[in-house]
Amino acid sequence: MRKGLTIAVAALVALGITACGSDSKSSDAKNTTTAPSRLCTADDVKVTGAAGEAPKVTIPTDCSPTTELITKDLVAGPGPEVKKGSAMDTHYLLMTWSDQKEADSSWSRGKPFPLQDVGNAPVIEGWNEGLVGMKEGGRRLLIVPSGKGYGEQGTGPIKAGETLVFVVDAVKVT
């Protein structure tokens, strides 16, 4: 009887260990998410719509947000170039990378956003750096890492550490 009880207890312990190990592995496999293995480029972010119209932006999920400011002219404007100290009127769309949602848009308000003293304007660093060189009539994609955006404090609907995606139209440059 004692030998039978020992065998039964050993079998239950073995079954319990196997069950725990099995649950753990299958649970780990289900809960493990693999981070994207590469950083996104400007070409990974898809922008549709003509300059002068509100754009539609698709942010990829198969790559990680950049850690550097990325700019890409989607439309090269024919007008004057934005230089440090320039004034400009812009239309823009702001999307947040983490949730791929629109956070702000001058198109939604129906009027351009005026900007004075580009390079030293009271806006995020990503705009002061990223708009220089743009031309009137142009459209530019800006992918702004949090360090050149709102940083670790965030603001309003923008979370701390958020990467920002802007599509900016240079309506007027002076």
N, C-alpha and C. Protein backbone atom coordinates (compact mmCIF):
# COMPACT_ATOMS: atom_id res chain seq x y z
N MET A 1 0.83 -1.18 0.00
CA MET A 1 0.00 0.00 0.00
C MET A 1 0.87 1.24 0.00
N ARG A 2 1.89 1.22 0.86
CA ARG A 2 2.77 2.37 0.96
C ARG A 2 3.49 2.61 -0.36
N LYS A 3 3.94 1.54 -1.01
CA LYS A 3 4.63 1.66 -2.28
C LYS A 3 3.69 2.23 -3.34
N GLY A 4 2.42 1.81 -3.34
CA GLY A 4 1.42 2.32 -4.28
C GLY A 4 1.16 3.80 -4.06
N LEU A 5 1.10 4.23 -2.79
CA LEU A 5 0.88 5.64 -2.46
C LEU A 5 2.06 6.48 -2.91
N THR A 6 3.27 5.99 -2.73
CA THR A 6 4.46 6.71 -3.17
C THR A 6 4.46 6.88 -4.67
N ILE A 7 4.10 5.85 -5.39
CA ILE A 7 4.04 5.93 -6.85
C ILE A 7 2.96 6.93 -7.28
N ALA A 8 1.82 6.91 -6.62
CA ALA A 8 0.72 7.83 -6.96
C ALA A 8 1.14 9.27 -6.71
N VAL A 9 1.78 9.54 -5.57
CA VAL A 9 2.24 10.90 -5.26
C VAL A 9 3.29 11.34 -6.27
N ALA A 10 4.22 10.47 -6.61
CA ALA A 10 5.26 10.80 -7.59
C ALA A 10 4.63 11.11 -8.94
N ALA A 11 3.62 10.35 -9.31
CA ALA A 11 2.94 10.58 -10.59
C ALA A 11 2.23 11.94 -10.58
N LEU A 12 1.58 12.26 -9.48
CA LEU A 12 0.89 13.56 -9.37
C LEU A 12 1.88 14.72 -9.41
N VAL A 13 3.00 14.59 -8.72
CA VAL A 13 4.03 15.64 -8.74
C VAL A 13 4.56 15.81 -10.15
N ALA A 14 4.86 14.71 -10.82
CA ALA A 14 5.36 14.78 -12.19
C ALA A 14 4.33 15.43 -13.11
N LEU A 15 3.07 15.06 -12.94
CA LEU A 15 2.00 15.64 -13.74
C LEU A 15 1.89 17.14 -13.46
N GLY A 16 1.99 17.53 -12.20
CA GLY A 16 1.92 18.95 -11.83
C GLY A 16 3.07 19.74 -12.41
N ILE A 17 4.27 19.22 -12.36
CA ILE A 17 5.44 19.91 -12.93
C ILE A 17 5.29 20.03 -14.43
N THR A 18 4.87 18.95 -15.06
CA THR A 18 4.68 18.98 -16.52
C THR A 18 3.60 19.98 -16.89
N ALA A 19 2.51 19.99 -16.15
CA ALA A 19 1.41 20.91 -16.45
C ALA A 19 1.87 22.35 -16.26
N CYS A 20 2.59 22.62 -15.17
CA CYS A 20 3.08 23.99 -14.95
C CYS A 20 4.03 24.40 -16.04
N GLY A 21 4.95 23.51 -16.38
CA GLY A 21 5.90 23.82 -17.44
C GLY A 21 5.20 24.04 -18.76
N SER A 22 4.22 23.22 -19.05
CA SER A 22 3.49 23.34 -20.31
C SER A 22 2.71 24.64 -20.35
N ASP A 23 2.01 24.97 -19.27
CA ASP A 23 1.23 26.22 -19.24
C ASP A 23 2.15 27.41 -19.39
N SER A 24 3.27 27.37 -18.69
CA SER A 24 4.20 28.49 -18.73
C SER A 24 4.70 28.74 -20.14
N LYS A 25 5.10 27.65 -20.82
CA LYS A 25 5.63 27.82 -22.17
C LYS A 25 4.57 28.31 -23.13
N SER A 26 3.38 27.71 -23.08
CA SER A 26 2.34 28.15 -24.01
C SER A 26 1.88 29.55 -23.66
N SER A 27 1.85 29.88 -22.38
CA SER A 27 1.47 31.23 -21.97
C SER A 27 2.52 32.23 -22.44
N ASP A 28 3.81 31.87 -22.27
CA ASP A 28 4.88 32.76 -22.72
C ASP A 28 4.81 32.98 -24.22
N ALA A 29 4.54 31.92 -24.95
CA ALA A 29 4.48 32.04 -26.41
C ALA A 29 3.35 32.96 -26.83
N LYS A 30 2.25 32.91 -26.12
CA LYS A 30 1.11 33.76 -26.45
C LYS A 30 1.36 35.22 -26.07
N ASN A 31 2.07 35.46 -24.97
CA ASN A 31 2.25 36.81 -24.46
C ASN A 31 3.51 37.50 -24.97
N THR A 32 4.36 36.78 -25.65
CA THR A 32 5.60 37.37 -26.14
C THR A 32 5.32 38.15 -27.42
N THR A 33 5.71 39.42 -27.41
CA THR A 33 5.61 40.21 -28.64
C THR A 33 7.02 40.57 -29.05
N THR A 34 7.28 40.44 -30.30
CA THR A 34 8.60 40.74 -30.81
C THR A 34 8.62 42.18 -31.28
N ALA A 35 9.55 42.94 -30.75
CA ALA A 35 9.69 44.33 -31.20
C ALA A 35 10.22 44.33 -32.63
N PRO A 36 9.76 45.30 -33.42
CA PRO A 36 10.30 45.39 -34.78
C PRO A 36 11.82 45.49 -34.74
N SER A 37 12.47 44.85 -35.70
CA SER A 37 13.93 44.74 -35.67
C SER A 37 14.65 45.88 -36.38
N ARG A 38 13.91 46.79 -37.02
CA ARG A 38 14.58 47.88 -37.73
C ARG A 38 13.87 49.20 -37.47
N LEU A 39 14.62 50.28 -37.66
CA LEU A 39 14.03 51.61 -37.53
C LEU A 39 13.32 51.98 -38.82
N CYS A 40 12.21 52.67 -38.69
CA CYS A 40 11.47 53.13 -39.86
C CYS A 40 12.23 54.25 -40.56
N THR A 41 11.96 54.39 -41.84
CA THR A 41 12.47 55.50 -42.64
C THR A 41 11.28 56.33 -43.10
N ALA A 42 11.57 57.45 -43.73
CA ALA A 42 10.50 58.29 -44.26
C ALA A 42 9.67 57.53 -45.29
N ASP A 43 10.30 56.65 -46.04
CA ASP A 43 9.59 55.88 -47.06
C ASP A 43 8.59 54.88 -46.48
N ASP A 44 8.75 54.53 -45.21
CA ASP A 44 7.82 53.60 -44.57
C ASP A 44 6.50 54.27 -44.20
N VAL A 45 6.52 55.57 -44.00
CA VAL A 45 5.31 56.33 -43.66
C VAL A 45 4.63 56.72 -44.96
N LYS A 46 3.38 56.33 -45.13
CA LYS A 46 2.66 56.60 -46.38
C LYS A 46 1.78 57.83 -46.22
N VAL A 47 1.92 58.77 -47.16
CA VAL A 47 1.13 60.00 -47.16
C VAL A 47 0.43 60.09 -48.50
N THR A 48 -0.89 60.29 -48.46
CA THR A 48 -1.65 60.48 -49.69
C THR A 48 -2.38 61.81 -49.61
N GLY A 49 -2.76 62.33 -50.76
CA GLY A 49 -3.44 63.62 -50.85
C GLY A 49 -2.52 64.66 -51.45
N ALA A 50 -3.11 65.57 -52.19
CA ALA A 50 -2.34 66.61 -52.88
C ALA A 50 -1.97 67.74 -51.92
N ALA A 51 -0.86 68.41 -52.19
CA ALA A 51 -0.48 69.60 -51.42
C ALA A 51 -1.64 70.58 -51.49
N GLY A 52 -1.92 71.23 -50.37
CA GLY A 52 -3.04 72.16 -50.30
C GLY A 52 -4.31 71.51 -49.77
N GLU A 53 -4.33 70.19 -49.70
CA GLU A 53 -5.46 69.44 -49.16
C GLU A 53 -5.01 68.67 -47.93
N ALA A 54 -5.94 68.40 -47.02
CA ALA A 54 -5.60 67.61 -45.83
C ALA A 54 -5.09 66.23 -46.26
N PRO A 55 -3.93 65.84 -45.76
CA PRO A 55 -3.36 64.54 -46.14
C PRO A 55 -3.94 63.40 -45.32
N LYS A 56 -3.72 62.19 -45.80
CA LYS A 56 -4.01 60.98 -45.04
C LYS A 56 -2.66 60.30 -44.82
N VAL A 57 -2.41 59.92 -43.57
CA VAL A 57 -1.12 59.34 -43.20
C VAL A 57 -1.33 57.92 -42.66
N THR A 58 -0.48 57.01 -43.11
CA THR A 58 -0.46 55.65 -42.58
C THR A 58 0.91 55.40 -41.97
N ILE A 59 0.91 55.17 -40.66
CA ILE A 59 2.15 54.91 -39.92
C ILE A 59 2.35 53.40 -39.85
N PRO A 60 3.55 52.91 -40.20
CA PRO A 60 3.78 51.47 -40.23
C PRO A 60 3.83 50.85 -38.83
N THR A 61 3.57 49.56 -38.78
CA THR A 61 3.66 48.82 -37.52
C THR A 61 4.78 47.79 -37.55
N ASP A 62 5.45 47.65 -38.70
CA ASP A 62 6.48 46.62 -38.83
C ASP A 62 7.90 47.15 -38.65
N CYS A 63 8.02 48.38 -38.14
CA CYS A 63 9.33 48.95 -37.85
C CYS A 63 9.18 49.90 -36.66
N SER A 64 10.29 50.22 -36.02
CA SER A 64 10.28 51.07 -34.83
C SER A 64 10.42 52.53 -35.21
N PRO A 65 9.88 53.43 -34.37
CA PRO A 65 10.03 54.86 -34.67
C PRO A 65 11.49 55.28 -34.58
N THR A 66 11.80 56.30 -35.33
CA THR A 66 13.17 56.81 -35.40
C THR A 66 13.61 57.47 -34.09
N THR A 67 14.90 57.56 -33.92
CA THR A 67 15.46 58.28 -32.78
C THR A 67 16.09 59.59 -33.25
N GLU A 68 16.03 59.85 -34.55
CA GLU A 68 16.57 61.08 -35.15
C GLU A 68 15.46 61.78 -35.92
N LEU A 69 15.60 63.09 -36.09
CA LEU A 69 14.66 63.85 -36.91
C LEU A 69 14.81 63.41 -38.36
N ILE A 70 13.69 63.08 -38.99
CA ILE A 70 13.68 62.72 -40.41
C ILE A 70 12.79 63.70 -41.15
N THR A 71 13.30 64.23 -42.27
CA THR A 71 12.50 65.09 -43.13
C THR A 71 12.51 64.53 -44.54
N LYS A 72 11.39 64.71 -45.23
CA LYS A 72 11.32 64.28 -46.62
C LYS A 72 10.35 65.21 -47.35
N ASP A 73 10.83 65.83 -48.42
CA ASP A 73 9.96 66.65 -49.24
C ASP A 73 9.07 65.73 -50.06
N LEU A 74 7.77 65.83 -49.84
CA LEU A 74 6.80 65.05 -50.60
C LEU A 74 6.43 65.77 -51.88
N VAL A 75 6.43 67.11 -51.81
CA VAL A 75 6.24 67.98 -52.96
C VAL A 75 7.25 69.10 -52.82
N ALA A 76 8.08 69.30 -53.83
CA ALA A 76 9.05 70.41 -53.81
C ALA A 76 8.32 71.67 -54.27
N GLY A 77 8.28 72.66 -53.42
CA GLY A 77 7.57 73.88 -53.77
C GLY A 77 8.36 74.75 -54.74
N PRO A 78 7.66 75.57 -55.53
CA PRO A 78 8.32 76.44 -56.50
C PRO A 78 8.70 77.81 -55.94
N GLY A 79 8.24 78.12 -54.73
CA GLY A 79 8.40 79.47 -54.19
C GLY A 79 9.66 79.68 -53.37
N PRO A 80 9.68 80.78 -52.61
CA PRO A 80 10.84 81.12 -51.78
C PRO A 80 11.13 80.03 -50.75
N GLU A 81 12.42 79.91 -50.41
CA GLU A 81 12.88 78.90 -49.45
C GLU A 81 12.81 79.43 -48.02
N VAL A 82 12.43 78.56 -47.10
CA VAL A 82 12.43 78.89 -45.68
C VAL A 82 13.87 78.88 -45.19
N LYS A 83 14.28 80.00 -44.60
CA LYS A 83 15.61 80.12 -44.00
C LYS A 83 15.43 80.42 -42.52
N LYS A 84 16.50 80.28 -41.75
CA LYS A 84 16.43 80.68 -40.34
C LYS A 84 16.03 82.15 -40.30
N GLY A 85 15.03 82.44 -39.48
CA GLY A 85 14.54 83.81 -39.36
C GLY A 85 13.34 84.11 -40.25
N SER A 86 13.02 83.20 -41.20
CA SER A 86 11.87 83.40 -42.09
C SER A 86 10.57 83.36 -41.30
N ALA A 87 9.55 83.95 -41.90
CA ALA A 87 8.18 83.80 -41.43
C ALA A 87 7.46 82.94 -42.45
N MET A 88 6.49 82.18 -41.99
CA MET A 88 5.74 81.34 -42.92
C MET A 88 4.36 81.04 -42.37
N ASP A 89 3.45 80.78 -43.28
CA ASP A 89 2.13 80.25 -42.93
C ASP A 89 2.15 78.79 -43.33
N THR A 90 1.68 77.93 -42.44
CA THR A 90 1.69 76.49 -42.69
C THR A 90 0.31 75.89 -42.50
N HIS A 91 0.06 74.85 -43.23
CA HIS A 91 -1.03 73.93 -42.89
C HIS A 91 -0.32 72.66 -42.47
N TYR A 92 -0.86 72.00 -41.44
CA TYR A 92 -0.19 70.79 -40.97
C TYR A 92 -1.19 69.80 -40.40
N LEU A 93 -0.75 68.56 -40.40
CA LEU A 93 -1.44 67.46 -39.74
C LEU A 93 -0.43 66.84 -38.79
N LEU A 94 -0.83 66.59 -37.55
CA LEU A 94 0.02 65.93 -36.56
C LEU A 94 -0.62 64.61 -36.18
N MET A 95 0.19 63.54 -36.32
CA MET A 95 -0.23 62.20 -35.89
C MET A 95 0.74 61.72 -34.81
N THR A 96 0.23 60.95 -33.87
CA THR A 96 1.08 60.34 -32.86
C THR A 96 1.42 58.91 -33.29
N TRP A 97 2.68 58.57 -33.16
CA TRP A 97 3.18 57.28 -33.65
C TRP A 97 2.56 56.11 -32.89
N SER A 98 2.53 56.18 -31.56
CA SER A 98 2.15 55.02 -30.75
C SER A 98 0.73 54.55 -30.99
N ASP A 99 -0.19 55.46 -31.22
CA ASP A 99 -1.58 55.04 -31.43
C ASP A 99 -2.09 55.35 -32.84
N GLN A 100 -1.23 55.95 -33.66
CA GLN A 100 -1.54 56.24 -35.06
C GLN A 100 -2.81 57.08 -35.20
N LYS A 101 -2.96 58.05 -34.30
CA LYS A 101 -4.14 58.91 -34.33
C LYS A 101 -3.77 60.36 -34.59
N GLU A 102 -4.72 61.08 -35.18
CA GLU A 102 -4.54 62.51 -35.40
C GLU A 102 -4.62 63.22 -34.06
N ALA A 103 -3.61 64.04 -33.76
CA ALA A 103 -3.59 64.80 -32.52
C ALA A 103 -3.93 66.27 -32.75
N ASP A 104 -3.68 66.77 -33.97
CA ASP A 104 -3.95 68.18 -34.27
C ASP A 104 -3.91 68.36 -35.79
N SER A 105 -4.61 69.40 -36.25
CA SER A 105 -4.61 69.70 -37.68
C SER A 105 -5.08 71.12 -37.91
N SER A 106 -4.28 71.90 -38.64
CA SER A 106 -4.73 73.24 -39.01
C SER A 106 -5.84 73.15 -40.06
N TRP A 107 -5.85 72.09 -40.85
CA TRP A 107 -6.92 71.91 -41.83
C TRP A 107 -8.26 71.79 -41.12
N SER A 108 -8.29 71.12 -39.98
CA SER A 108 -9.54 70.98 -39.23
C SER A 108 -10.07 72.33 -38.75
N ARG A 109 -9.15 73.24 -38.48
CA ARG A 109 -9.55 74.59 -38.03
C ARG A 109 -9.87 75.51 -39.20
N GLY A 110 -9.47 75.11 -40.40
CA GLY A 110 -9.80 75.88 -41.59
C GLY A 110 -8.94 77.09 -41.87
N LYS A 111 -7.81 77.22 -41.16
CA LYS A 111 -6.91 78.34 -41.46
C LYS A 111 -5.47 77.94 -41.18
N PRO A 112 -4.54 78.51 -41.95
CA PRO A 112 -3.12 78.19 -41.75
C PRO A 112 -2.61 78.66 -40.39
N PHE A 113 -1.54 78.01 -39.97
CA PHE A 113 -0.86 78.35 -38.72
C PHE A 113 0.32 79.26 -39.04
N PRO A 114 0.34 80.49 -38.50
CA PRO A 114 1.46 81.40 -38.77
C PRO A 114 2.65 81.08 -37.88
N LEU A 115 3.83 81.20 -38.45
CA LEU A 115 5.07 80.91 -37.72
C LEU A 115 6.07 82.02 -38.02
N GLN A 116 6.59 82.64 -36.99
CA GLN A 116 7.58 83.71 -37.12
C GLN A 116 8.94 83.20 -36.66
N ASP A 117 9.99 83.71 -37.27
CA ASP A 117 11.37 83.44 -36.84
C ASP A 117 11.69 81.94 -36.81
N VAL A 118 11.46 81.27 -37.95
CA VAL A 118 11.76 79.84 -38.05
C VAL A 118 13.22 79.61 -37.64
N GLY A 119 13.45 78.61 -36.86
CA GLY A 119 14.78 78.32 -36.33
C GLY A 119 14.87 78.72 -34.87
N ASN A 120 14.08 79.74 -34.50
CA ASN A 120 14.02 80.20 -33.11
C ASN A 120 12.59 80.41 -32.66
N ALA A 121 11.64 79.90 -33.40
CA ALA A 121 10.22 80.10 -33.09
C ALA A 121 9.84 79.35 -31.81
N PRO A 122 8.78 79.80 -31.13
CA PRO A 122 8.34 79.12 -29.91
C PRO A 122 7.52 77.86 -30.21
N VAL A 123 8.14 76.95 -30.94
CA VAL A 123 7.54 75.66 -31.29
C VAL A 123 8.55 74.57 -30.95
N ILE A 124 8.19 73.33 -31.20
CA ILE A 124 9.12 72.23 -30.89
C ILE A 124 10.37 72.32 -31.76
N GLU A 125 11.45 71.79 -31.24
CA GLU A 125 12.74 71.80 -31.94
C GLU A 125 12.65 71.12 -33.30
N GLY A 126 11.85 70.07 -33.39
CA GLY A 126 11.69 69.36 -34.66
C GLY A 126 11.14 70.25 -35.77
N TRP A 127 10.31 71.22 -35.42
CA TRP A 127 9.81 72.18 -36.42
C TRP A 127 10.89 73.20 -36.75
N ASN A 128 11.54 73.74 -35.75
CA ASN A 128 12.58 74.75 -36.01
C ASN A 128 13.69 74.19 -36.89
N GLU A 129 14.04 72.94 -36.72
CA GLU A 129 15.07 72.32 -37.56
C GLU A 129 14.49 71.79 -38.87
N GLY A 130 13.32 71.18 -38.79
CA GLY A 130 12.78 70.45 -39.92
C GLY A 130 12.14 71.28 -41.02
N LEU A 131 11.79 72.52 -40.74
CA LEU A 131 11.15 73.35 -41.77
C LEU A 131 12.15 74.16 -42.59
N VAL A 132 13.35 74.36 -42.06
CA VAL A 132 14.37 75.11 -42.80
C VAL A 132 14.69 74.37 -44.10
N GLY A 133 14.70 75.10 -45.20
CA GLY A 133 14.99 74.52 -46.51
C GLY A 133 13.75 74.19 -47.32
N MET A 134 12.61 74.18 -46.67
CA MET A 134 11.35 73.92 -47.37
C MET A 134 11.03 75.12 -48.25
N LYS A 135 10.27 74.92 -49.32
CA LYS A 135 9.91 76.02 -50.21
C LYS A 135 8.40 76.23 -50.23
N GLU A 136 8.02 77.49 -50.42
CA GLU A 136 6.61 77.84 -50.52
C GLU A 136 5.94 76.98 -51.59
N GLY A 137 4.77 76.45 -51.25
CA GLY A 137 4.05 75.56 -52.16
C GLY A 137 4.43 74.10 -51.98
N GLY A 138 5.40 73.83 -51.11
CA GLY A 138 5.86 72.47 -50.89
C GLY A 138 5.13 71.77 -49.76
N ARG A 139 5.33 70.46 -49.72
CA ARG A 139 4.78 69.62 -48.65
C ARG A 139 5.92 68.76 -48.13
N ARG A 140 6.07 68.73 -46.80
CA ARG A 140 7.17 68.00 -46.17
C ARG A 140 6.65 67.08 -45.08
N LEU A 141 7.23 65.90 -45.03
CA LEU A 141 7.00 64.95 -43.95
C LEU A 141 8.08 65.17 -42.90
N LEU A 142 7.67 65.29 -41.65
CA LEU A 142 8.61 65.38 -40.52
C LEU A 142 8.29 64.23 -39.57
N ILE A 143 9.29 63.43 -39.26
CA ILE A 143 9.15 62.41 -38.22
C ILE A 143 10.04 62.87 -37.08
N VAL A 144 9.40 63.22 -35.98
CA VAL A 144 10.08 63.92 -34.88
C VAL A 144 10.17 63.01 -33.66
N PRO A 145 11.39 62.62 -33.26
CA PRO A 145 11.54 61.82 -32.04
C PRO A 145 11.18 62.67 -30.83
N SER A 146 10.86 62.03 -29.73
CA SER A 146 10.38 62.76 -28.56
C SER A 146 11.37 63.82 -28.07
N GLY A 147 12.66 63.58 -28.22
CA GLY A 147 13.66 64.55 -27.77
C GLY A 147 13.61 65.86 -28.53
N LYS A 148 13.03 65.85 -29.72
CA LYS A 148 12.88 67.08 -30.50
C LYS A 148 11.41 67.47 -30.60
N GLY A 149 10.59 66.77 -29.80
CA GLY A 149 9.16 67.05 -29.75
C GLY A 149 8.79 67.56 -28.37
N TYR A 150 7.92 66.81 -27.69
CA TYR A 150 7.46 67.22 -26.36
C TYR A 150 8.16 66.46 -25.24
N GLY A 151 9.16 65.66 -25.58
CA GLY A 151 10.01 65.02 -24.59
C GLY A 151 9.28 64.09 -23.64
N GLU A 152 9.82 63.99 -22.46
CA GLU A 152 9.30 63.07 -21.46
C GLU A 152 8.12 63.64 -20.68
N GLN A 153 7.76 64.91 -20.92
CA GLN A 153 6.61 65.46 -20.21
C GLN A 153 5.33 65.36 -21.02
N GLY A 154 5.43 65.28 -22.37
CA GLY A 154 4.23 65.26 -23.20
C GLY A 154 3.48 66.57 -23.08
N THR A 155 2.33 66.66 -23.71
CA THR A 155 1.47 67.83 -23.59
C THR A 155 0.10 67.49 -24.15
N GLY A 156 -0.95 67.93 -23.50
CA GLY A 156 -2.30 67.67 -23.98
C GLY A 156 -2.50 66.20 -24.31
N PRO A 157 -2.95 65.90 -25.55
CA PRO A 157 -3.20 64.50 -25.92
C PRO A 157 -1.93 63.72 -26.27
N ILE A 158 -0.78 64.40 -26.23
CA ILE A 158 0.48 63.76 -26.63
C ILE A 158 1.17 63.19 -25.40
N LYS A 159 1.37 61.86 -25.42
CA LYS A 159 1.97 61.17 -24.29
C LYS A 159 3.46 61.49 -24.16
N ALA A 160 3.98 61.29 -22.97
CA ALA A 160 5.41 61.43 -22.73
C ALA A 160 6.17 60.45 -23.61
N GLY A 161 7.28 60.89 -24.20
CA GLY A 161 8.12 60.03 -25.01
C GLY A 161 7.57 59.74 -26.40
N GLU A 162 6.56 60.46 -26.83
CA GLU A 162 5.88 60.18 -28.10
C GLU A 162 6.68 60.66 -29.31
N THR A 163 6.74 59.81 -30.33
CA THR A 163 7.27 60.21 -31.64
C THR A 163 6.12 60.84 -32.41
N LEU A 164 6.41 61.96 -33.07
CA LEU A 164 5.39 62.73 -33.78
C LEU A 164 5.59 62.62 -35.28
N VAL A 165 4.49 62.58 -36.02
CA VAL A 165 4.54 62.56 -37.48
C VAL A 165 3.74 63.76 -37.97
N PHE A 166 4.42 64.67 -38.66
CA PHE A 166 3.78 65.86 -39.22
C PHE A 166 3.83 65.79 -40.74
N VAL A 167 2.77 66.26 -41.37
CA VAL A 167 2.80 66.60 -42.78
C VAL A 167 2.53 68.10 -42.81
N VAL A 168 3.49 68.86 -43.35
CA VAL A 168 3.43 70.32 -43.33
C VAL A 168 3.43 70.86 -44.75
N ASP A 169 2.48 71.74 -45.04
CA ASP A 169 2.45 72.48 -46.30
C ASP A 169 2.92 73.90 -46.03
N ALA A 170 3.87 74.38 -46.83
CA ALA A 170 4.33 75.77 -46.73
C ALA A 170 3.41 76.61 -47.62
N VAL A 171 2.44 77.26 -46.99
CA VAL A 171 1.45 78.04 -47.72
C VAL A 171 2.05 79.35 -48.22
N LYS A 172 2.80 80.02 -47.34
CA LYS A 172 3.42 81.30 -47.69
C LYS A 172 4.73 81.44 -46.92
N VAL A 173 5.77 81.91 -47.60
CA VAL A 173 7.08 82.10 -46.97
C VAL A 173 7.53 83.53 -47.22
N THR A 174 7.92 84.25 -46.15
CA THR A 174 8.44 85.61 -46.29
C THR A 174 9.70 85.78 -45.48
